[in-house]
Structures are given as structure tokens and as C-alpha cells.
C-alpha atoms as a PDB file:
ATOM      1  CA  UNK A   1     -39.665   0.365  11.058  1.00  0.00           C
ATOM      2  CA  UNK A   2     -43.358   0.880  12.214  1.00  0.00           C
ATOM      3  CA  UNK A   3     -45.085  -2.296  14.174  1.00  0.00           C
ATOM      4  CA  UNK A   4     -45.836  -3.615  10.972  1.00  0.00           C
ATOM      5  CA  UNK A   5     -42.121  -4.263   9.891  1.00  0.00           C
ATOM      6  CA  UNK A   6     -42.283  -1.835   7.244  1.00  0.00           C
ATOM      7  CA  UNK A   7     -39.018   0.826   6.390  1.00  0.00           C
ATOM      8  CA  UNK A   8     -39.797   4.350   7.569  1.00  0.00           C
ATOM      9  CA  UNK A   9     -38.570   7.116   6.008  1.00  0.00           C
ATOM     10  CA  UNK A  10     -36.094   8.503   8.995  1.00  0.00           C
ATOM     11  CA  UNK A  11     -34.557   4.649   8.706  1.00  0.00           C
ATOM     12  CA  UNK A  12     -30.807   5.033   7.267  1.00  0.00           C
ATOM     13  CA  UNK A  13     -28.555   2.414   6.058  1.00  0.00           C
ATOM     14  CA  UNK A  14     -24.815   2.928   6.019  1.00  0.00           C
ATOM     15  CA  UNK A  15     -22.356   1.699   4.876  1.00  0.00           C
ATOM     16  CA  UNK A  16     -18.879   1.550   5.643  1.00  0.00           C
ATOM     17  CA  UNK A  17     -15.966   0.681   2.289  1.00  0.00           C
ATOM     18  CA  UNK A  18     -12.662  -0.347   3.950  1.00  0.00           C
ATOM     19  CA  UNK A  19      -9.773  -0.429   1.898  1.00  0.00           C
ATOM     20  CA  UNK A  20      -7.733  -3.484   0.677  1.00  0.00           C
ATOM     21  CA  UNK A  21      -5.272  -4.526   2.819  1.00  0.00           C
ATOM     22  CA  UNK A  22      -1.563  -4.135   1.758  1.00  0.00           C
ATOM     23  CA  UNK A  23      -0.326  -7.934   1.304  1.00  0.00           C
ATOM     24  CA  UNK A  24       2.812  -9.663  -0.882  1.00  0.00           C
ATOM     25  CA  UNK A  25       1.918 -13.070  -2.293  1.00  0.00           C
ATOM     26  CA  UNK A  26       3.077 -14.794  -5.307  1.00  0.00           C
ATOM     27  CA  UNK A  27       6.767 -15.278  -3.916  1.00  0.00           C
ATOM     28  CA  UNK A  28      10.080 -16.420  -6.013  1.00  0.00           C
ATOM     29  CA  UNK A  29      12.861 -15.361  -8.427  1.00  0.00           C
ATOM     30  CA  UNK A  30      12.825 -14.183 -11.565  1.00  0.00           C
ATOM     31  CA  UNK A  31      14.140 -15.456 -15.338  1.00  0.00           C
ATOM     32  CA  UNK A  32      16.941 -13.054 -14.125  1.00  0.00           C
ATOM     33  CA  UNK A  33      17.212 -14.601 -10.304  1.00  0.00           C
ATOM     34  CA  UNK A  34      15.814 -11.830  -8.721  1.00  0.00           C
ATOM     35  CA  UNK A  35      13.437 -12.102  -5.908  1.00  0.00           C
ATOM     36  CA  UNK A  36      10.450 -11.328  -6.730  1.00  0.00           C
ATOM     37  CA  UNK A  37       6.694 -10.749  -4.537  1.00  0.00           C
ATOM     38  CA  UNK A  38       3.372  -9.547  -5.914  1.00  0.00           C
ATOM     39  CA  UNK A  39       1.661  -6.488  -4.253  1.00  0.00           C
ATOM     40  CA  UNK A  40      -1.887  -6.336  -3.356  1.00  0.00           C
ATOM     41  CA  UNK A  41      -3.889  -3.345  -2.652  1.00  0.00           C
ATOM     42  CA  UNK A  42      -5.540  -0.237  -3.341  1.00  0.00           C
ATOM     43  CA  UNK A  43      -3.818   1.626  -6.356  1.00  0.00           C
ATOM     44  CA  UNK A  44      -1.161   4.183  -5.238  1.00  0.00           C
ATOM     45  CA  UNK A  45       1.887   4.837  -4.530  1.00  0.00           C
ATOM     46  CA  UNK A  46       4.240   2.737  -2.424  1.00  0.00           C
ATOM     47  CA  UNK A  47       7.849   2.712  -1.116  1.00  0.00           C
ATOM     48  CA  UNK A  48       9.420  -0.926  -0.526  1.00  0.00           C
ATOM     49  CA  UNK A  49      11.246  -1.401   2.506  1.00  0.00           C
ATOM     50  CA  UNK A  50      13.899  -4.376   3.288  1.00  0.00           C
ATOM     51  CA  UNK A  51      15.104  -5.295   6.666  1.00  0.00           C
ATOM     52  CA  UNK A  52      17.710  -8.188   7.504  1.00  0.00           C
ATOM     53  CA  UNK A  53      15.857  -7.691  11.582  1.00  0.00           C
ATOM     54  CA  UNK A  54      12.895  -5.792  11.613  1.00  0.00           C
ATOM     55  CA  UNK A  55      14.109  -3.169  13.322  1.00  0.00           C
ATOM     56  CA  UNK A  56      15.964  -1.340  10.867  1.00  0.00           C
ATOM     57  CA  UNK A  57      14.314  -0.601   7.397  1.00  0.00           C
ATOM     58  CA  UNK A  58      16.276   0.853   4.016  1.00  0.00           C
ATOM     59  CA  UNK A  59      13.947   2.062   1.089  1.00  0.00           C
ATOM     60  CA  UNK A  60      14.528  -0.824  -2.134  1.00  0.00           C
ATOM     61  CA  UNK A  61      12.132   1.301  -4.696  1.00  0.00           C
ATOM     62  CA  UNK A  62       8.919   2.900  -5.200  1.00  0.00           C
ATOM     63  CA  UNK A  63       6.420   1.757  -7.277  1.00  0.00           C
ATOM     64  CA  UNK A  64       3.123   3.116  -8.670  1.00  0.00           C
ATOM     65  CA  UNK A  65       0.438   0.941  -9.043  1.00  0.00           C
ATOM     66  CA  UNK A  66      -2.794   1.787 -11.083  1.00  0.00           C
ATOM     67  CA  UNK A  67      -5.103  -1.405 -10.272  1.00  0.00           C
ATOM     68  CA  UNK A  68      -3.262  -2.017  -7.118  1.00  0.00           C
ATOM     69  CA  UNK A  69      -1.833  -5.446  -8.302  1.00  0.00           C
ATOM     70  CA  UNK A  70       1.909  -4.889  -9.113  1.00  0.00           C
ATOM     71  CA  UNK A  71       4.940  -7.295  -9.329  1.00  0.00           C
ATOM     72  CA  UNK A  72       7.868  -6.181  -7.497  1.00  0.00           C
ATOM     73  CA  UNK A  73      11.503  -7.367  -7.923  1.00  0.00           C
ATOM     74  CA  UNK A  74      14.615  -7.351  -6.029  1.00  0.00           C
ATOM     75  CA  UNK A  75      17.888  -7.180  -7.403  1.00  0.00           C
ATOM     76  CA  UNK A  76      20.114  -7.513  -3.599  1.00  0.00           C
ATOM     77  CA  UNK A  77      19.506 -11.005  -2.998  1.00  0.00           C
ATOM     78  CA  UNK A  78      22.971 -11.053  -1.618  1.00  0.00           C
ATOM     79  CA  UNK A  79      21.526 -11.167   2.341  1.00  0.00           C
ATOM     80  CA  UNK A  80      20.758 -14.999   3.461  1.00  0.00           C
ATOM     81  CA  UNK A  81      17.303 -12.833   4.560  1.00  0.00           C
ATOM     82  CA  UNK A  82      14.990 -10.301   4.095  1.00  0.00           C
ATOM     83  CA  UNK A  83      12.194  -8.667   5.198  1.00  0.00           C
ATOM     84  CA  UNK A  84       9.579  -6.684   3.107  1.00  0.00           C
ATOM     85  CA  UNK A  85       6.779  -4.336   4.108  1.00  0.00           C
ATOM     86  CA  UNK A  86       5.343  -2.144   1.624  1.00  0.00           C
ATOM     87  CA  UNK A  87       4.086   1.494   2.667  1.00  0.00           C
ATOM     88  CA  UNK A  88       0.920   4.215   1.049  1.00  0.00           C
ATOM     89  CA  UNK A  89       2.846   7.053  -0.252  1.00  0.00           C
ATOM     90  CA  UNK A  90       0.078   8.512  -2.134  1.00  0.00           C
ATOM     91  CA  UNK A  91      -3.451   7.140  -3.162  1.00  0.00           C
END
């Protein structure tokens, strides 16, 4: 900026785009009695993993989301509690 407050050609504006964080919401049981949740993130391929103790994780399924929003279901609902996470495989 010059002394009059006008922008000069050497001044630049930098914009940084941050990716949408991976998160789950809309938890519940579907009509078949399977646990389901909604994955919200950027578009990409994700591996959904589950754990009963937060130490050891096992794959549940891989999903491809063109828009970043996809419903994921888990047919293994025998355990009393499970934790879930999603890892981006490709974008």
C-alpha cells in the first residue's frame, strides 16, 4: 500500500484452501438392523476401519465418494461397542 492507502501492483493476496475434515455423523440403525453412519469429507476413496479398544484397527470396507458425502453401513454389529475411523486412500 502506498501512503494514500492504495494497493500497489507488488502487493499480493494469498488464499490457502484447507481440505474439509473427515467426520462421521447421522449415526443409527438402518431398516436391515445394520449400524450406519454418514461420512463427510472431500471426494475420494476411503478405508473405513473399526476397533473395540482404539489400539487395534481392522478394515470394515472401502468406499468411493464422488461428492464427499456417503452413507456407510457395518454388517458386523455383534460387538457391544465399536469405534470407527476413516482414512483417505486416494483423492
